[in-house]
Amino acid sequence: MKIAILSDIHGNSYALSKVLEDIRARNADAIINLGDSLYGPLNPSGTWEMLNACHAINISGNEDRIILENLTKDSGNKTLEYVKSQIDNRMTDWLRSLPFDMIFNDLVYGCHASPLSDTEYLLEKVSENHIDIRSQMELDELLKEKTQKIIVCGHSHVPNIVQTDCKLIINPGSVGLPAYDDDLPVYHRMQNYSPRANYSILNVNGESVSVERVALEYDFESAARLAERNGRNDWAHWIRTGIV
């Protein structure tokens, strides 16, 4: 079985189009999308159309939740208000239908960030001026209630593969936003140093499991220019460079 693992598209239909083209060429059996699909100053409606057409297994991310929480009020966030102006009832119904997490064939457990929160990184531990990977013991403790041996997560936008005593944990990185900064839990930067669109392929053949990281060139300049037209020069820089 060949499973494509995506996350953090953030409305970047240019990147998603290239990723789905590559997935089709590889004849993947399933697509798992780990959330934060529509939020961003780009193309939320086009992104939704593509996800709907490819029959991906989708879950909710924190930004998907935030869209729903602000549907009926002015958030004061220019980008969030832009996203709201671009989506219709079909898309909001779709957002409402997304589960927090998922299990695929009792083989793979998927969540956006961690099993307990859609905003707390699973793999990464953030402190002032430092980002580290949690210890294997700590990860196994966090995941001890999950019977699945393969865990997939997103949220950090940084691709990674960690093997513990009990679990194989895969973060496919971000399809559409290769860098960003955040103030929580402290100010930090997540950077990939490349504009490429990231996803992963999980191959399962009996007891044999392999993971392939994929980083694709795409028309990031068009995505960056769209971000600029929608008032987000910071996003444009992140998309062009993978650097904050």
Protein backbone atom coordinates (compact mmCIF):
# COMPACT_ATOMS: atom_id res chain seq x y z
CA MET A 1 0.00 0.00 0.00
CA LYS A 2 1.22 3.47 -0.94
CA ILE A 3 -0.16 6.38 1.10
CA ALA A 4 0.47 10.06 0.36
CA ILE A 5 0.71 12.22 3.49
CA LEU A 6 0.01 15.95 3.13
CA SER A 7 -0.33 18.81 5.58
CA ASP A 8 -0.50 22.58 5.87
CA ILE A 9 -1.58 23.51 2.35
CA HIS A 10 -2.74 26.95 3.55
CA GLY A 11 -4.74 27.69 0.43
CA ASN A 12 -1.74 27.35 -1.88
CA SER A 13 -3.45 25.77 -4.87
CA TYR A 14 -0.34 26.24 -7.00
CA ALA A 15 1.67 23.96 -4.72
CA LEU A 16 -1.21 21.52 -4.19
CA SER A 17 -1.74 21.11 -7.93
CA LYS A 18 1.89 20.03 -8.38
CA VAL A 19 1.73 17.69 -5.38
CA LEU A 20 -1.46 15.98 -6.60
CA GLU A 21 0.07 15.58 -10.06
CA ASP A 22 3.05 13.83 -8.50
CA ILE A 23 0.80 11.64 -6.34
CA ARG A 24 -1.16 10.53 -9.40
CA ALA A 25 2.07 9.68 -11.21
CA ARG A 26 3.08 7.48 -8.27
CA ASN A 27 -0.31 5.70 -8.20
CA ALA A 28 -0.86 6.24 -4.50
CA ASP A 29 -3.66 4.17 -2.98
CA ALA A 30 -4.80 6.87 -0.55
CA ILE A 31 -4.19 10.51 0.37
CA ILE A 32 -4.23 11.70 3.98
CA ASN A 33 -4.41 15.46 4.53
CA LEU A 34 -3.56 16.59 8.06
CA GLY A 35 -5.23 19.99 8.07
CA ASP A 36 -4.70 23.74 7.83
CA SER A 37 -6.00 23.44 4.31
CA LEU A 38 -7.70 26.73 3.43
CA TYR A 39 -6.33 29.52 5.64
CA GLY A 40 -4.05 32.01 3.92
CA PRO A 41 -3.99 34.98 1.51
CA LEU A 42 -4.04 32.70 -1.51
CA ASN A 43 -6.75 30.51 -3.10
CA PRO A 44 -8.92 28.75 -0.50
CA SER A 45 -11.75 27.93 -2.88
CA GLY A 46 -9.45 26.44 -5.53
CA THR A 47 -7.69 24.42 -2.87
CA TRP A 48 -11.00 23.03 -1.62
CA GLU A 49 -12.04 22.08 -5.16
CA MET A 50 -8.84 20.07 -5.62
CA LEU A 51 -9.16 18.30 -2.27
CA ASN A 52 -12.79 17.49 -2.95
CA ALA A 53 -11.95 16.06 -6.37
CA CYS A 54 -9.08 13.83 -5.20
CA HIS A 55 -11.13 12.20 -2.40
CA ALA A 56 -8.48 12.77 0.24
CA ILE A 57 -9.00 11.73 3.85
CA ASN A 58 -9.02 15.13 5.58
CA ILE A 59 -8.81 16.21 9.20
CA SER A 60 -9.01 19.63 10.82
CA GLY A 61 -6.12 21.88 11.73
CA ASN A 62 -6.08 24.80 14.14
CA GLU A 63 -6.52 27.32 11.31
CA ASP A 64 -9.50 25.36 9.95
CA ARG A 65 -11.05 25.59 13.40
CA ILE A 66 -10.30 29.32 13.62
CA ILE A 67 -12.14 29.98 10.35
CA LEU A 68 -15.26 28.33 11.77
CA GLU A 69 -14.99 30.14 15.10
CA ASN A 70 -15.01 33.51 13.31
CA LEU A 71 -17.58 32.93 10.58
CA THR A 72 -20.23 35.18 12.11
CA LYS A 73 -18.04 37.94 13.53
CA ASP A 74 -15.35 40.34 12.38
CA SER A 75 -12.07 38.84 13.50
CA GLY A 76 -10.00 41.96 12.86
CA ASN A 77 -7.59 39.70 10.95
CA LYS A 78 -7.30 40.84 7.33
CA THR A 79 -6.24 37.42 6.06
CA LEU A 80 -8.96 35.58 7.94
CA GLU A 81 -11.57 38.01 6.62
CA TYR A 82 -10.23 37.43 3.10
CA VAL A 83 -10.58 33.66 3.50
CA LYS A 84 -14.15 34.09 4.75
CA SER A 85 -14.96 36.19 1.68
CA GLN A 86 -13.67 33.45 -0.63
CA ILE A 87 -15.51 30.42 0.75
CA ASP A 88 -19.16 29.40 0.46
CA ASN A 89 -21.57 27.16 2.37
CA ARG A 90 -20.18 24.01 0.75
CA MET A 91 -16.76 24.80 2.09
CA THR A 92 -17.91 25.79 5.56
CA ASP A 93 -19.97 22.58 5.75
CA TRP A 94 -16.85 20.68 4.74
CA LEU A 95 -14.82 22.42 7.45
CA ARG A 96 -17.47 21.51 10.03
CA SER A 97 -17.31 17.86 8.93
CA LEU A 98 -13.56 17.51 9.52
CA PRO A 99 -12.61 15.33 12.50
CA PHE A 100 -9.88 16.23 14.97
CA ASP A 101 -7.90 13.09 14.17
CA MET A 102 -8.17 9.88 12.17
CA ILE A 103 -7.16 6.21 11.99
CA PHE A 104 -6.40 4.57 8.65
CA ASN A 105 -6.73 0.77 8.38
CA ASP A 106 -5.79 0.48 12.08
CA LEU A 107 -2.27 1.09 10.80
CA VAL A 108 -1.82 4.86 10.82
CA TYR A 109 -2.95 7.41 13.40
CA GLY A 110 -3.12 10.99 12.15
CA CYS A 111 -3.52 14.34 13.90
CA HIS A 112 -2.76 17.89 12.91
CA ALA A 113 -0.41 18.83 15.75
CA SER A 114 -0.60 16.34 18.64
CA PRO A 115 -3.24 13.89 19.92
CA LEU A 116 -4.13 16.34 22.70
CA SER A 117 -4.07 19.69 20.93
CA ASP A 118 -4.27 21.19 17.44
CA THR A 119 -1.73 23.88 18.42
CA GLU A 120 0.97 21.99 20.35
CA TYR A 121 3.75 20.50 18.27
CA LEU A 122 4.17 16.75 18.66
CA LEU A 123 7.80 16.34 17.59
CA GLU A 124 9.20 19.77 18.34
CA LYS A 125 9.84 21.34 21.73
CA VAL A 126 10.08 25.12 21.50
CA SER A 127 11.96 27.27 23.99
CA GLU A 128 13.42 30.75 23.72
CA ASN A 129 15.95 30.83 20.85
CA HIS A 130 15.88 27.04 20.52
CA ILE A 131 13.80 24.34 18.81
CA ASP A 132 14.57 20.73 19.64
CA ILE A 133 13.01 17.32 18.98
CA ARG A 134 11.41 15.60 21.93
CA SER A 135 13.20 12.55 23.31
CA GLN A 136 12.10 9.11 22.20
CA MET A 137 10.91 8.31 25.73
CA GLU A 138 8.85 11.50 25.87
CA LEU A 139 7.26 10.80 22.49
CA ASP A 140 6.38 7.24 23.46
CA GLU A 141 4.79 8.53 26.67
CA LEU A 142 2.73 11.11 24.72
CA LEU A 143 1.57 8.41 22.29
CA LYS A 144 1.16 5.49 24.68
CA GLU A 145 -2.63 5.33 24.25
CA LYS A 146 -2.35 5.01 20.47
CA THR A 147 -2.18 1.40 19.35
CA GLN A 148 -1.12 2.26 15.81
CA LYS A 149 2.61 1.99 15.21
CA ILE A 150 2.71 4.74 12.55
CA ILE A 151 1.88 8.30 13.61
CA VAL A 152 1.52 11.16 11.12
CA CYS A 153 1.32 14.82 12.15
CA GLY A 154 1.84 18.30 10.74
CA HIS A 155 1.55 21.84 12.13
CA SER A 156 5.26 22.68 12.33
CA HIS A 157 5.67 22.80 8.52
CA VAL A 158 9.07 21.10 8.91
CA PRO A 159 9.44 17.59 7.46
CA ASN A 160 10.82 15.00 9.84
CA ILE A 161 10.90 11.27 10.52
CA VAL A 162 11.49 9.99 14.05
CA GLN A 163 11.72 6.34 15.10
CA THR A 164 11.14 5.58 18.78
CA ASP A 165 11.05 2.21 20.52
CA CYS A 166 7.32 1.99 19.84
CA LYS A 167 6.38 4.36 17.02
CA LEU A 168 7.38 5.65 13.61
CA ILE A 169 6.42 9.35 13.56
CA ILE A 170 6.23 11.23 10.26
CA ASN A 171 5.76 14.94 9.68
CA PRO A 172 5.48 15.52 5.91
CA GLY A 173 6.19 19.24 6.16
CA SER A 174 4.06 21.86 4.46
CA VAL A 175 2.63 21.70 0.96
CA GLY A 176 2.08 25.42 0.69
CA LEU A 177 3.98 27.48 3.28
CA PRO A 178 7.66 26.57 3.83
CA ALA A 179 8.33 29.14 6.56
CA TYR A 180 6.50 31.19 9.17
CA ASP A 181 6.96 32.75 12.59
CA ASP A 182 4.75 32.51 15.67
CA ASP A 183 4.58 34.10 19.10
CA LEU A 184 3.41 30.98 20.96
CA PRO A 185 4.56 29.41 23.21
CA VAL A 186 7.44 31.90 22.71
CA TYR A 187 8.52 33.72 19.57
CA HIS A 188 10.05 31.24 17.12
CA ARG A 189 10.65 30.67 13.43
CA MET A 190 9.96 27.55 11.39
CA GLN A 191 11.99 27.52 8.17
CA ASN A 192 12.75 25.05 5.36
CA TYR A 193 15.19 27.29 3.43
CA SER A 194 13.56 26.31 0.13
CA PRO A 195 10.33 27.27 -1.66
CA ARG A 196 9.55 23.67 -2.62
CA ALA A 197 6.24 21.97 -1.86
CA ASN A 198 6.73 19.17 0.66
CA TYR A 199 4.84 15.93 1.26
CA SER A 200 5.66 12.30 2.06
CA ILE A 201 4.93 8.86 0.63
CA LEU A 202 4.42 6.02 3.11
CA ASN A 203 4.98 2.56 1.62
CA VAL A 204 3.68 -0.44 3.55
CA ASN A 205 4.40 -3.97 2.32
CA GLY A 206 3.48 -6.46 5.03
CA GLU A 207 5.83 -5.76 7.95
CA SER A 208 8.09 -3.61 5.79
CA VAL A 209 7.53 0.15 6.05
CA SER A 210 9.44 2.85 4.20
CA VAL A 211 9.00 6.62 3.97
CA GLU A 212 9.97 8.87 1.11
CA ARG A 213 10.21 12.62 1.55
CA VAL A 214 9.20 14.56 -1.55
CA ALA A 215 10.07 18.21 -2.24
CA LEU A 216 8.72 19.55 -5.53
CA GLU A 217 9.42 22.63 -7.59
CA TYR A 218 6.27 24.53 -8.56
CA ASP A 219 5.16 28.00 -9.65
CA PHE A 220 5.79 29.61 -6.27
CA GLU A 221 6.18 33.04 -7.84
CA SER A 222 2.48 33.12 -8.79
CA ALA A 223 1.57 32.13 -5.24
CA ALA A 224 3.85 34.84 -3.81
CA ARG A 225 2.38 37.51 -6.06
CA LEU A 226 -1.14 36.53 -5.00
CA ALA A 227 -0.10 36.88 -1.35
CA GLU A 228 1.25 40.35 -2.14
CA ARG A 229 -1.98 41.39 -3.84
CA ASN A 230 -3.81 40.31 -0.71
CA GLY A 231 -1.65 42.39 1.59
CA ARG A 232 0.73 39.76 2.92
CA ASN A 233 4.28 40.61 1.87
CA ASP A 234 5.53 38.42 4.72
CA TRP A 235 3.80 35.37 3.25
CA ALA A 236 5.18 36.26 -0.17
CA HIS A 237 8.72 36.25 1.21
CA TRP A 238 8.17 32.97 3.07
CA ILE A 239 6.76 31.33 -0.07
CA ARG A 240 9.62 32.55 -2.28
CA THR A 241 12.46 31.64 0.08
CA GLY A 242 11.39 29.24 2.83
CA ILE A 243 13.00 31.74 5.21
CA VAL A 244 11.46 34.16 7.72
